[in-house]
All heavy atoms as atom14 arrays in JSON, in Angstrom:
{
  "sequence": "DLSTYSESRCREWGDRGVPAPFEVVAREYPVKSTA",
  "atom14_mask": [
    [1, 1, 1, 1, 1, 1, 1, 1, 0, 0, 0, 0, 0, 0],
    [1, 1, 1, 1, 1, 1, 1, 1, 0, 0, 0, 0, 0, 0],
    [1, 1, 1, 1, 1, 1, 0, 0, 0, 0, 0, 0, 0, 0],
    [1, 1, 1, 1, 1, 1, 1, 0, 0, 0, 0, 0, 0, 0],
    [1, 1, 1, 1, 1, 1, 1, 1, 1, 1, 1, 1, 0, 0],
    [1, 1, 1, 1, 1, 1, 0, 0, 0, 0, 0, 0, 0, 0],
    [1, 1, 1, 1, 1, 1, 1, 1, 1, 0, 0, 0, 0, 0],
    [1, 1, 1, 1, 1, 1, 0, 0, 0, 0, 0, 0, 0, 0],
    [1, 1, 1, 1, 1, 1, 1, 1, 1, 1, 1, 0, 0, 0],
    [1, 1, 1, 1, 1, 1, 0, 0, 0, 0, 0, 0, 0, 0],
    [1, 1, 1, 1, 1, 1, 1, 1, 1, 1, 1, 0, 0, 0],
    [1, 1, 1, 1, 1, 1, 1, 1, 1, 0, 0, 0, 0, 0],
    [1, 1, 1, 1, 1, 1, 1, 1, 1, 1, 1, 1, 1, 1],
    [1, 1, 1, 1, 0, 0, 0, 0, 0, 0, 0, 0, 0, 0],
    [1, 1, 1, 1, 1, 1, 1, 1, 0, 0, 0, 0, 0, 0],
    [1, 1, 1, 1, 1, 1, 1, 1, 1, 1, 1, 0, 0, 0],
    [1, 1, 1, 1, 0, 0, 0, 0, 0, 0, 0, 0, 0, 0],
    [1, 1, 1, 1, 1, 1, 1, 0, 0, 0, 0, 0, 0, 0],
    [1, 1, 1, 1, 1, 1, 1, 0, 0, 0, 0, 0, 0, 0],
    [1, 1, 1, 1, 1, 0, 0, 0, 0, 0, 0, 0, 0, 0],
    [1, 1, 1, 1, 1, 1, 1, 0, 0, 0, 0, 0, 0, 0],
    [1, 1, 1, 1, 1, 1, 1, 1, 1, 1, 1, 0, 0, 0],
    [1, 1, 1, 1, 1, 1, 1, 1, 1, 0, 0, 0, 0, 0],
    [1, 1, 1, 1, 1, 1, 1, 0, 0, 0, 0, 0, 0, 0],
    [1, 1, 1, 1, 1, 1, 1, 0, 0, 0, 0, 0, 0, 0],
    [1, 1, 1, 1, 1, 0, 0, 0, 0, 0, 0, 0, 0, 0],
    [1, 1, 1, 1, 1, 1, 1, 1, 1, 1, 1, 0, 0, 0],
    [1, 1, 1, 1, 1, 1, 1, 1, 1, 0, 0, 0, 0, 0],
    [1, 1, 1, 1, 1, 1, 1, 1, 1, 1, 1, 1, 0, 0],
    [1, 1, 1, 1, 1, 1, 1, 0, 0, 0, 0, 0, 0, 0],
    [1, 1, 1, 1, 1, 1, 1, 0, 0, 0, 0, 0, 0, 0],
    [1, 1, 1, 1, 1, 1, 1, 1, 1, 0, 0, 0, 0, 0],
    [1, 1, 1, 1, 1, 1, 0, 0, 0, 0, 0, 0, 0, 0],
    [1, 1, 1, 1, 1, 1, 1, 0, 0, 0, 0, 0, 0, 0],
    [1, 1, 1, 1, 1, 0, 0, 0, 0, 0, 0, 0, 0, 0]
  ],
  "atom14_positions": [
    [[72.16, -23.74, 107.68], [73.21, -22.95, 107.12], [74.51, -23.25, 107.88], [74.64, -22.85, 109.05], [72.83, -21.47, 107.25], [73.92, -20.58, 106.65], [74.94, -21.05, 106.17], [73.68, -19.31, 106.67], [0.0, 0.0, 0.0], [0.0, 0.0, 0.0], [0.0, 0.0, 0.0], [0.0, 0.0, 0.0], [0.0, 0.0, 0.0], [0.0, 0.0, 0.0]],
    [[75.43, -23.97, 107.26], [76.69, -24.34, 107.89], [77.85, -23.5, 107.43], [79.0, -23.89, 107.54], [76.98, -25.82, 107.61], [75.94, -26.87, 108.06], [76.49, -28.28, 107.82], [75.54, -26.68, 109.5], [0.0, 0.0, 0.0], [0.0, 0.0, 0.0], [0.0, 0.0, 0.0], [0.0, 0.0, 0.0], [0.0, 0.0, 0.0], [0.0, 0.0, 0.0]],
    [[77.55, -22.34, 106.82], [78.61, -21.52, 106.25], [79.51, -20.93, 107.33], [80.66, -20.58, 107.03], [78.02, -20.39, 105.38], [77.08, -19.62, 106.14], [0.0, 0.0, 0.0], [0.0, 0.0, 0.0], [0.0, 0.0, 0.0], [0.0, 0.0, 0.0], [0.0, 0.0, 0.0], [0.0, 0.0, 0.0], [0.0, 0.0, 0.0], [0.0, 0.0, 0.0]],
    [[79.03, -20.79, 108.55], [79.87, -20.34, 109.65], [79.7, -21.25, 110.85], [78.65, -21.9, 111.02], [79.5, -18.89, 110.09], [78.11, -18.85, 110.48], [79.74, -17.91, 108.97], [0.0, 0.0, 0.0], [0.0, 0.0, 0.0], [0.0, 0.0, 0.0], [0.0, 0.0, 0.0], [0.0, 0.0, 0.0], [0.0, 0.0, 0.0], [0.0, 0.0, 0.0]],
    [[80.71, -21.29, 111.66], [80.72, -22.18, 112.86], [79.72, -21.69, 113.89], [79.6, -20.49, 114.14], [82.14, -22.19, 113.48], [82.25, -22.9, 114.79], [82.07, -24.27, 114.86], [82.51, -22.23, 115.97], [82.2, -24.96, 116.08], [82.63, -22.89, 117.19], [82.49, -24.26, 117.23], [82.6, -24.92, 118.45], [0.0, 0.0, 0.0], [0.0, 0.0, 0.0]],
    [[78.99, -22.6, 114.46], [77.98, -22.32, 115.47], [78.26, -23.11, 116.75], [78.29, -24.35, 116.72], [76.58, -22.62, 114.94], [75.63, -22.69, 115.98], [0.0, 0.0, 0.0], [0.0, 0.0, 0.0], [0.0, 0.0, 0.0], [0.0, 0.0, 0.0], [0.0, 0.0, 0.0], [0.0, 0.0, 0.0], [0.0, 0.0, 0.0], [0.0, 0.0, 0.0]],
    [[78.48, -22.42, 117.87], [78.72, -23.13, 119.12], [77.48, -23.92, 119.55], [77.61, -25.04, 120.01], [79.09, -22.1, 120.21], [80.45, -21.45, 120.05], [80.78, -20.56, 121.2], [80.54, -20.91, 122.34], [81.31, -19.43, 120.91], [0.0, 0.0, 0.0], [0.0, 0.0, 0.0], [0.0, 0.0, 0.0], [0.0, 0.0, 0.0], [0.0, 0.0, 0.0]],
    [[76.3, -23.32, 119.34], [75.06, -24.01, 119.8], [74.87, -25.28, 118.96], [74.46, -26.31, 119.51], [73.89, -23.08, 119.69], [73.69, -22.63, 118.35], [0.0, 0.0, 0.0], [0.0, 0.0, 0.0], [0.0, 0.0, 0.0], [0.0, 0.0, 0.0], [0.0, 0.0, 0.0], [0.0, 0.0, 0.0], [0.0, 0.0, 0.0], [0.0, 0.0, 0.0]],
    [[75.12, -25.2, 117.66], [74.95, -26.36, 116.79], [75.99, -27.43, 117.15], [75.72, -28.62, 117.15], [75.05, -25.98, 115.33], [74.85, -27.18, 114.4], [75.04, -26.8, 112.96], [74.1, -25.77, 112.54], [74.41, -24.56, 112.18], [75.69, -24.17, 112.2], [73.5, -23.68, 111.83], [0.0, 0.0, 0.0], [0.0, 0.0, 0.0], [0.0, 0.0, 0.0]],
    [[77.19, -26.98, 117.48], [78.26, -27.89, 117.86], [77.85, -28.69, 119.1], [78.08, -29.92, 119.17], [79.55, -27.13, 118.1], [81.04, -28.16, 118.02], [0.0, 0.0, 0.0], [0.0, 0.0, 0.0], [0.0, 0.0, 0.0], [0.0, 0.0, 0.0], [0.0, 0.0, 0.0], [0.0, 0.0, 0.0], [0.0, 0.0, 0.0], [0.0, 0.0, 0.0]],
    [[77.28, -28.01, 120.11], [76.86, -28.7, 121.31], [75.68, -29.67, 120.97], [75.64, -30.79, 121.48], [76.4, -27.7, 122.34], [77.54, -26.98, 123.03], [77.08, -26.32, 124.29], [78.13, -25.49, 124.9], [79.13, -25.98, 125.58], [79.24, -27.29, 125.78], [80.05, -25.16, 126.11], [0.0, 0.0, 0.0], [0.0, 0.0, 0.0], [0.0, 0.0, 0.0]],
    [[74.75, -29.19, 120.15], [73.57, -30.01, 119.82], [74.02, -31.29, 119.11], [73.59, -32.39, 119.45], [72.61, -29.2, 118.93], [71.39, -29.97, 118.53], [70.49, -29.2, 117.57], [70.72, -28.02, 117.4], [69.58, -29.83, 116.99], [0.0, 0.0, 0.0], [0.0, 0.0, 0.0], [0.0, 0.0, 0.0], [0.0, 0.0, 0.0], [0.0, 0.0, 0.0]],
    [[74.83, -31.14, 118.06], [75.29, -32.31, 117.33], [76.21, -33.16, 118.18], [76.28, -34.39, 118.0], [75.94, -31.89, 116.03], [75.01, -31.34, 115.02], [73.72, -30.89, 115.25], [75.26, -31.11, 113.62], [73.16, -30.42, 114.07], [74.08, -30.57, 113.1], [76.35, -31.32, 112.79], [73.97, -30.17, 111.74], [76.25, -31.0, 111.46], [75.05, -30.43, 110.93]],
    [[76.93, -32.51, 119.1], [77.8, -33.28, 120.01], [76.98, -34.16, 120.94], [77.47, -35.18, 121.42], [0.0, 0.0, 0.0], [0.0, 0.0, 0.0], [0.0, 0.0, 0.0], [0.0, 0.0, 0.0], [0.0, 0.0, 0.0], [0.0, 0.0, 0.0], [0.0, 0.0, 0.0], [0.0, 0.0, 0.0], [0.0, 0.0, 0.0], [0.0, 0.0, 0.0]],
    [[75.77, -33.72, 121.24], [74.87, -34.54, 122.11], [74.08, -35.58, 121.32], [73.89, -36.68, 121.8], [73.89, -33.6, 122.86], [74.56, -32.76, 123.92], [75.68, -33.15, 124.36], [74.0, -31.72, 124.3], [0.0, 0.0, 0.0], [0.0, 0.0, 0.0], [0.0, 0.0, 0.0], [0.0, 0.0, 0.0], [0.0, 0.0, 0.0], [0.0, 0.0, 0.0]],
    [[73.62, -35.21, 120.1], [72.69, -36.05, 119.39], [73.29, -36.75, 118.15], [72.67, -37.65, 117.58], [71.49, -35.23, 118.96], [70.76, -34.57, 120.1], [69.6, -33.72, 119.59], [68.92, -33.0, 120.67], [67.91, -32.16, 120.54], [67.45, -31.96, 119.3], [67.37, -31.52, 121.56], [0.0, 0.0, 0.0], [0.0, 0.0, 0.0], [0.0, 0.0, 0.0]],
    [[74.48, -36.3, 117.73], [75.06, -36.84, 116.54], [74.71, -36.02, 115.32], [73.94, -35.07, 115.37], [0.0, 0.0, 0.0], [0.0, 0.0, 0.0], [0.0, 0.0, 0.0], [0.0, 0.0, 0.0], [0.0, 0.0, 0.0], [0.0, 0.0, 0.0], [0.0, 0.0, 0.0], [0.0, 0.0, 0.0], [0.0, 0.0, 0.0], [0.0, 0.0, 0.0]],
    [[75.23, -36.41, 114.18], [75.04, -35.7, 112.94], [73.67, -36.05, 112.36], [73.35, -37.25, 112.17], [76.14, -36.09, 111.91], [75.95, -35.31, 110.61], [77.52, -35.8, 112.48], [0.0, 0.0, 0.0], [0.0, 0.0, 0.0], [0.0, 0.0, 0.0], [0.0, 0.0, 0.0], [0.0, 0.0, 0.0], [0.0, 0.0, 0.0], [0.0, 0.0, 0.0]],
    [[72.82, -35.08, 112.05], [71.52, -35.38, 111.48], [71.62, -36.19, 110.21], [72.61, -36.02, 109.44], [70.93, -33.96, 111.22], [71.63, -33.1, 112.19], [73.02, -33.61, 112.27], [0.0, 0.0, 0.0], [0.0, 0.0, 0.0], [0.0, 0.0, 0.0], [0.0, 0.0, 0.0], [0.0, 0.0, 0.0], [0.0, 0.0, 0.0], [0.0, 0.0, 0.0]],
    [[70.65, -37.02, 109.94], [70.7, -37.97, 108.8], [71.0, -37.27, 107.49], [71.78, -37.78, 106.69], [69.4, -38.74, 108.74], [0.0, 0.0, 0.0], [0.0, 0.0, 0.0], [0.0, 0.0, 0.0], [0.0, 0.0, 0.0], [0.0, 0.0, 0.0], [0.0, 0.0, 0.0], [0.0, 0.0, 0.0], [0.0, 0.0, 0.0], [0.0, 0.0, 0.0]],
    [[70.37, -36.12, 107.17], [70.66, -35.48, 105.87], [72.15, -35.15, 105.68], [72.67, -35.19, 104.59], [69.78, -34.24, 105.87], [68.68, -34.52, 106.86], [69.33, -35.37, 107.9], [0.0, 0.0, 0.0], [0.0, 0.0, 0.0], [0.0, 0.0, 0.0], [0.0, 0.0, 0.0], [0.0, 0.0, 0.0], [0.0, 0.0, 0.0], [0.0, 0.0, 0.0]],
    [[72.81, -34.81, 106.81], [74.2, -34.44, 106.69], [75.12, -35.63, 106.74], [76.27, -35.59, 106.29], [74.55, -33.43, 107.82], [73.89, -32.11, 107.57], [72.79, -31.75, 108.35], [74.34, -31.24, 106.58], [72.17, -30.55, 108.12], [73.69, -30.03, 106.36], [72.63, -29.66, 107.12], [0.0, 0.0, 0.0], [0.0, 0.0, 0.0], [0.0, 0.0, 0.0]],
    [[74.66, -36.75, 107.28], [75.39, -38.0, 107.1], [75.47, -38.35, 105.61], [76.52, -38.83, 105.1], [74.76, -39.13, 107.87], [75.05, -39.14, 109.36], [74.6, -40.42, 110.01], [74.14, -41.37, 109.32], [74.73, -40.54, 111.24], [0.0, 0.0, 0.0], [0.0, 0.0, 0.0], [0.0, 0.0, 0.0], [0.0, 0.0, 0.0], [0.0, 0.0, 0.0]],
    [[74.37, -38.11, 104.91], [74.35, -38.4, 103.47], [75.37, -37.49, 102.74], [76.11, -37.94, 101.87], [72.93, -38.14, 102.87], [72.95, -38.26, 101.38], [71.95, -39.13, 103.48], [0.0, 0.0, 0.0], [0.0, 0.0, 0.0], [0.0, 0.0, 0.0], [0.0, 0.0, 0.0], [0.0, 0.0, 0.0], [0.0, 0.0, 0.0], [0.0, 0.0, 0.0]],
    [[75.41, -36.21, 103.14], [76.37, -35.29, 102.54], [77.81, -35.76, 102.86], [78.67, -35.77, 101.97], [76.17, -33.86, 103.04], [77.25, -32.92, 102.58], [74.79, -33.35, 102.62], [0.0, 0.0, 0.0], [0.0, 0.0, 0.0], [0.0, 0.0, 0.0], [0.0, 0.0, 0.0], [0.0, 0.0, 0.0], [0.0, 0.0, 0.0], [0.0, 0.0, 0.0]],
    [[78.07, -36.12, 104.08], [79.41, -36.5, 104.49], [79.95, -37.64, 103.71], [81.15, -37.7, 103.34], [79.42, -36.87, 106.01], [0.0, 0.0, 0.0], [0.0, 0.0, 0.0], [0.0, 0.0, 0.0], [0.0, 0.0, 0.0], [0.0, 0.0, 0.0], [0.0, 0.0, 0.0], [0.0, 0.0, 0.0], [0.0, 0.0, 0.0], [0.0, 0.0, 0.0]],
    [[79.1, -38.59, 103.32], [79.57, -39.77, 102.6], [80.06, -39.41, 101.19], [80.74, -40.23, 100.55], [78.44, -40.8, 102.54], [78.13, -41.4, 103.89], [77.11, -42.52, 103.81], [76.64, -42.93, 105.12], [77.32, -43.74, 105.97], [78.49, -44.19, 105.58], [76.8, -44.04, 107.11], [0.0, 0.0, 0.0], [0.0, 0.0, 0.0], [0.0, 0.0, 0.0]],
    [[79.79, -38.2, 100.74], [80.27, -37.8, 99.4], [81.71, -37.24, 99.55], [82.37, -37.03, 98.54], [79.37, -36.67, 98.84], [77.92, -37.14, 98.55], [77.09, -36.0, 97.99], [77.66, -35.08, 97.42], [75.88, -36.05, 98.16], [0.0, 0.0, 0.0], [0.0, 0.0, 0.0], [0.0, 0.0, 0.0], [0.0, 0.0, 0.0], [0.0, 0.0, 0.0]],
    [[82.2, -37.01, 100.77], [83.5, -36.41, 100.97], [84.3, -37.2, 102.02], [84.66, -36.66, 103.06], [83.37, -34.95, 101.42], [82.55, -34.11, 100.45], [81.16, -33.97, 100.6], [83.15, -33.52, 99.36], [80.44, -33.22, 99.7], [82.4, -32.75, 98.46], [81.06, -32.61, 98.63], [80.33, -31.88, 97.74], [0.0, 0.0, 0.0], [0.0, 0.0, 0.0]],
    [[84.58, -38.47, 101.74], [85.32, -39.24, 102.76], [86.85, -39.01, 102.66], [87.4, -38.72, 101.61], [85.01, -40.71, 102.3], [84.87, -40.59, 100.83], [84.24, -39.27, 100.55], [0.0, 0.0, 0.0], [0.0, 0.0, 0.0], [0.0, 0.0, 0.0], [0.0, 0.0, 0.0], [0.0, 0.0, 0.0], [0.0, 0.0, 0.0], [0.0, 0.0, 0.0]],
    [[87.47, -39.09, 103.8], [88.96, -39.2, 103.84], [89.28, -40.65, 103.56], [88.7, -41.54, 104.21], [89.5, -38.75, 105.22], [90.99, -39.03, 105.32], [89.2, -37.27, 105.46], [0.0, 0.0, 0.0], [0.0, 0.0, 0.0], [0.0, 0.0, 0.0], [0.0, 0.0, 0.0], [0.0, 0.0, 0.0], [0.0, 0.0, 0.0], [0.0, 0.0, 0.0]],
    [[90.14, -40.92, 102.6], [90.35, -42.28, 102.16], [90.99, -43.16, 103.2], [90.68, -44.37, 103.32], [91.17, -42.31, 100.87], [90.41, -41.74, 99.67], [91.2, -41.86, 98.39], [90.41, -41.37, 97.19], [91.19, -41.45, 95.94], [0.0, 0.0, 0.0], [0.0, 0.0, 0.0], [0.0, 0.0, 0.0], [0.0, 0.0, 0.0], [0.0, 0.0, 0.0]],
    [[91.93, -42.62, 103.97], [92.6, -43.48, 104.96], [93.34, -42.57, 105.99], [93.62, -41.4, 105.7], [93.62, -44.39, 104.34], [94.66, -43.68, 103.7], [0.0, 0.0, 0.0], [0.0, 0.0, 0.0], [0.0, 0.0, 0.0], [0.0, 0.0, 0.0], [0.0, 0.0, 0.0], [0.0, 0.0, 0.0], [0.0, 0.0, 0.0], [0.0, 0.0, 0.0]],
    [[93.56, -43.1, 107.15], [94.38, -42.44, 108.17], [95.39, -43.46, 108.7], [95.22, -44.66, 108.58], [93.51, -41.96, 109.35], [92.84, -43.08, 109.94], [92.46, -40.93, 108.85], [0.0, 0.0, 0.0], [0.0, 0.0, 0.0], [0.0, 0.0, 0.0], [0.0, 0.0, 0.0], [0.0, 0.0, 0.0], [0.0, 0.0, 0.0], [0.0, 0.0, 0.0]],
    [[96.43, -42.95, 109.32], [97.42, -43.8, 109.97], [98.04, -43.06, 111.13], [98.08, -41.83, 111.13], [98.52, -44.18, 108.96], [0.0, 0.0, 0.0], [0.0, 0.0, 0.0], [0.0, 0.0, 0.0], [0.0, 0.0, 0.0], [0.0, 0.0, 0.0], [0.0, 0.0, 0.0], [0.0, 0.0, 0.0], [0.0, 0.0, 0.0], [0.0, 0.0, 0.0]]
  ]
}
């Protein structure tokens, strides 16, 4: 449940990275470019 910000989850993902299922979700919402 990512509906609210979680400090514990933020630390966990900050240590281990984004879990594979959510990498799949992220790829559906890319930022096209930065400068």
